[in-house]
N, C-alpha and C. Protein backbone atom coordinates (compact mmCIF):
# COMPACT_ATOMS: atom_id res chain seq x y z
N GLN A 1 -135.00 54.89 7.51
CA GLN A 1 -135.73 53.75 8.05
C GLN A 1 -136.77 54.26 9.04
N SER A 2 -137.97 53.77 8.93
CA SER A 2 -139.07 54.21 9.77
C SER A 2 -138.97 53.60 11.16
N MET A 3 -139.38 54.38 12.17
CA MET A 3 -139.37 53.88 13.54
C MET A 3 -140.57 52.98 13.81
N SER A 4 -141.56 53.00 12.96
CA SER A 4 -142.74 52.17 13.22
C SER A 4 -143.22 51.50 11.94
N ARG A 5 -143.94 52.21 11.11
CA ARG A 5 -144.55 51.59 9.93
C ARG A 5 -143.59 51.54 8.76
N VAL A 6 -143.61 50.43 8.07
CA VAL A 6 -142.75 50.24 6.91
C VAL A 6 -143.08 51.26 5.84
N GLY A 7 -142.04 51.93 5.33
CA GLY A 7 -142.21 52.85 4.22
C GLY A 7 -142.84 54.18 4.55
N LYS A 8 -142.99 54.52 5.81
CA LYS A 8 -143.59 55.80 6.20
C LYS A 8 -142.52 56.70 6.80
N CYS A 9 -141.77 57.36 5.93
CA CYS A 9 -140.64 58.17 6.39
C CYS A 9 -141.07 59.31 7.31
N ILE A 10 -142.31 59.73 7.22
CA ILE A 10 -142.78 60.84 8.07
C ILE A 10 -142.76 60.46 9.55
N ASP A 11 -142.78 59.17 9.86
CA ASP A 11 -142.71 58.71 11.25
C ASP A 11 -141.40 59.10 11.92
N ASN A 12 -140.35 59.33 11.14
CA ASN A 12 -139.04 59.62 11.71
C ASN A 12 -138.90 61.05 12.22
N GLY A 13 -139.74 61.95 11.80
CA GLY A 13 -139.60 63.36 12.16
C GLY A 13 -139.44 63.62 13.64
N PRO A 14 -140.35 63.14 14.49
CA PRO A 14 -140.21 63.40 15.92
C PRO A 14 -138.91 62.85 16.51
N MET A 15 -138.51 61.67 16.09
CA MET A 15 -137.28 61.09 16.63
C MET A 15 -136.04 61.83 16.14
N GLU A 16 -136.05 62.23 14.88
CA GLU A 16 -134.92 63.01 14.37
C GLU A 16 -134.80 64.33 15.12
N GLY A 17 -135.93 64.96 15.40
CA GLY A 17 -135.92 66.20 16.17
C GLY A 17 -135.38 65.99 17.57
N PHE A 18 -135.82 64.92 18.22
CA PHE A 18 -135.36 64.62 19.58
C PHE A 18 -133.85 64.37 19.60
N PHE A 19 -133.36 63.53 18.69
CA PHE A 19 -131.93 63.21 18.69
C PHE A 19 -131.09 64.43 18.33
N GLY A 20 -131.61 65.31 17.47
CA GLY A 20 -130.90 66.55 17.19
C GLY A 20 -130.80 67.43 18.42
N THR A 21 -131.89 67.53 19.17
CA THR A 21 -131.89 68.30 20.41
C THR A 21 -130.94 67.68 21.42
N LEU A 22 -131.00 66.38 21.58
CA LEU A 22 -130.13 65.67 22.52
C LEU A 22 -128.66 65.96 22.20
N LYS A 23 -128.29 65.83 20.94
CA LYS A 23 -126.89 66.06 20.56
C LYS A 23 -126.49 67.52 20.77
N THR A 24 -127.36 68.44 20.40
CA THR A 24 -127.03 69.86 20.52
C THR A 24 -126.90 70.28 21.98
N GLU A 25 -127.84 69.88 22.82
CA GLU A 25 -127.87 70.34 24.20
C GLU A 25 -126.91 69.59 25.12
N MET A 26 -126.60 68.36 24.80
CA MET A 26 -125.86 67.56 25.77
C MET A 26 -124.52 67.01 25.31
N PHE A 27 -124.31 66.82 24.03
CA PHE A 27 -123.18 65.98 23.65
C PHE A 27 -122.17 66.57 22.69
N TYR A 28 -122.49 67.61 21.94
CA TYR A 28 -121.50 68.16 21.01
C TYR A 28 -120.30 68.68 21.79
N GLY A 29 -119.12 68.26 21.36
CA GLY A 29 -117.89 68.73 21.98
C GLY A 29 -117.50 68.03 23.27
N LYS A 30 -118.27 67.07 23.72
CA LYS A 30 -117.97 66.36 24.96
C LYS A 30 -117.42 64.98 24.64
N LYS A 31 -116.54 64.52 25.50
CA LYS A 31 -115.98 63.18 25.36
C LYS A 31 -116.33 62.36 26.59
N PHE A 32 -116.55 61.10 26.38
CA PHE A 32 -116.91 60.20 27.47
C PHE A 32 -115.85 59.12 27.59
N LYS A 33 -115.53 58.77 28.82
CA LYS A 33 -114.46 57.81 29.06
C LYS A 33 -114.87 56.39 28.71
N THR A 34 -116.14 56.08 28.93
CA THR A 34 -116.61 54.72 28.67
C THR A 34 -117.98 54.77 28.01
N LEU A 35 -118.34 53.67 27.39
CA LEU A 35 -119.67 53.54 26.80
C LEU A 35 -120.74 53.60 27.90
N GLU A 36 -120.43 53.04 29.05
CA GLU A 36 -121.38 53.07 30.17
C GLU A 36 -121.65 54.51 30.62
N GLU A 37 -120.61 55.33 30.67
CA GLU A 37 -120.80 56.74 31.03
C GLU A 37 -121.71 57.44 30.02
N LEU A 38 -121.50 57.18 28.74
CA LEU A 38 -122.35 57.75 27.70
C LEU A 38 -123.79 57.30 27.87
N ARG A 39 -123.99 56.01 28.10
CA ARG A 39 -125.35 55.48 28.30
C ARG A 39 -126.03 56.14 29.49
N ASP A 40 -125.28 56.30 30.59
CA ASP A 40 -125.85 56.95 31.78
C ASP A 40 -126.26 58.39 31.47
N LYS A 41 -125.42 59.12 30.75
CA LYS A 41 -125.73 60.51 30.42
C LYS A 41 -126.94 60.61 29.49
N ILE A 42 -127.06 59.68 28.56
CA ILE A 42 -128.24 59.68 27.68
C ILE A 42 -129.49 59.41 28.50
N GLY A 43 -129.43 58.45 29.42
CA GLY A 43 -130.57 58.16 30.29
C GLY A 43 -130.96 59.36 31.13
N GLU A 44 -129.97 60.06 31.68
CA GLU A 44 -130.23 61.26 32.47
C GLU A 44 -130.89 62.34 31.62
N TYR A 45 -130.42 62.49 30.38
CA TYR A 45 -131.00 63.51 29.51
C TYR A 45 -132.43 63.18 29.14
N ILE A 46 -132.71 61.92 28.85
CA ILE A 46 -134.08 61.52 28.50
C ILE A 46 -135.02 61.80 29.67
N LYS A 47 -134.58 61.50 30.89
CA LYS A 47 -135.38 61.80 32.08
C LYS A 47 -135.62 63.31 32.19
N PHE A 48 -134.55 64.09 32.03
CA PHE A 48 -134.68 65.55 32.07
C PHE A 48 -135.64 66.04 30.98
N TYR A 49 -135.46 65.55 29.76
CA TYR A 49 -136.28 65.97 28.62
C TYR A 49 -137.76 65.71 28.88
N ASN A 50 -138.07 64.56 29.43
CA ASN A 50 -139.47 64.18 29.65
C ASN A 50 -140.09 64.82 30.89
N GLU A 51 -139.28 65.07 31.92
CA GLU A 51 -139.84 65.52 33.19
C GLU A 51 -139.62 67.00 33.51
N GLU A 52 -138.62 67.63 32.90
CA GLU A 52 -138.28 68.99 33.31
C GLU A 52 -138.18 70.00 32.16
N ARG A 53 -137.81 69.58 30.99
CA ARG A 53 -137.54 70.51 29.88
C ARG A 53 -138.86 71.02 29.30
N PHE A 54 -139.09 72.32 29.44
CA PHE A 54 -140.31 72.93 28.91
C PHE A 54 -140.26 73.00 27.40
N GLN A 55 -141.43 72.83 26.76
CA GLN A 55 -141.52 72.88 25.31
C GLN A 55 -142.66 73.81 24.92
N LYS A 56 -142.36 74.76 24.06
CA LYS A 56 -143.37 75.72 23.63
C LYS A 56 -144.58 75.04 23.02
N ARG A 57 -144.35 74.02 22.21
CA ARG A 57 -145.46 73.37 21.51
C ARG A 57 -146.40 72.64 22.47
N LEU A 58 -145.97 72.46 23.71
CA LEU A 58 -146.82 71.81 24.72
C LEU A 58 -147.32 72.84 25.74
N GLY A 59 -147.40 74.08 25.33
CA GLY A 59 -147.88 75.12 26.23
C GLY A 59 -146.90 75.42 27.34
N CYS A 60 -145.61 75.35 27.04
CA CYS A 60 -144.53 75.60 28.00
C CYS A 60 -144.57 74.64 29.18
N MET A 61 -144.94 73.40 28.89
CA MET A 61 -144.91 72.34 29.90
C MET A 61 -143.92 71.27 29.47
N ALA A 62 -143.45 70.49 30.43
CA ALA A 62 -142.63 69.32 30.12
C ALA A 62 -143.56 68.23 29.59
N PRO A 63 -143.05 67.31 28.76
CA PRO A 63 -143.92 66.27 28.19
C PRO A 63 -144.70 65.47 29.22
N LEU A 64 -144.08 65.09 30.32
CA LEU A 64 -144.79 64.30 31.33
C LEU A 64 -145.91 65.12 31.97
N GLU A 65 -145.64 66.38 32.25
CA GLU A 65 -146.65 67.27 32.81
C GLU A 65 -147.83 67.42 31.84
N TYR A 66 -147.52 67.61 30.56
CA TYR A 66 -148.55 67.74 29.53
C TYR A 66 -149.40 66.47 29.45
N ARG A 67 -148.74 65.34 29.45
CA ARG A 67 -149.46 64.05 29.38
C ARG A 67 -150.37 63.86 30.59
N ASN A 68 -149.86 64.18 31.77
CA ASN A 68 -150.67 64.04 32.98
C ASN A 68 -151.89 64.96 32.94
N GLN A 69 -151.71 66.18 32.48
CA GLN A 69 -152.83 67.11 32.38
C GLN A 69 -153.84 66.63 31.34
N ALA A 70 -153.35 66.14 30.22
CA ALA A 70 -154.25 65.66 29.17
C ALA A 70 -155.05 64.45 29.63
N SER A 71 -154.43 63.57 30.42
CA SER A 71 -155.15 62.38 30.88
C SER A 71 -156.23 62.73 31.90
N LYS A 72 -156.07 63.84 32.62
CA LYS A 72 -157.10 64.28 33.56
C LYS A 72 -158.34 64.77 32.83
N CYS A 73 -158.13 65.34 31.64
CA CYS A 73 -159.23 65.88 30.85
C CYS A 73 -160.00 64.80 30.09
N ALA A 74 -159.39 63.65 29.92
CA ALA A 74 -160.01 62.59 29.12
C ALA A 74 -161.06 61.82 29.87
């Protein structure tokens, strides 16, 4: 199922990559006592991923840092 446009399976690639990374780095082998605890941990990871986790494809910058730099150039 596409995250945006109907019938465009290629749209799923970035999200599938993100969720694979999230599961690998944060959740495989871990158990959570409550659904709320799991939700909190996912929120914390998303914040970390966007603000702190460096990515080679973004010139070794975090996504937020890359976006801020790109908006200065525009």
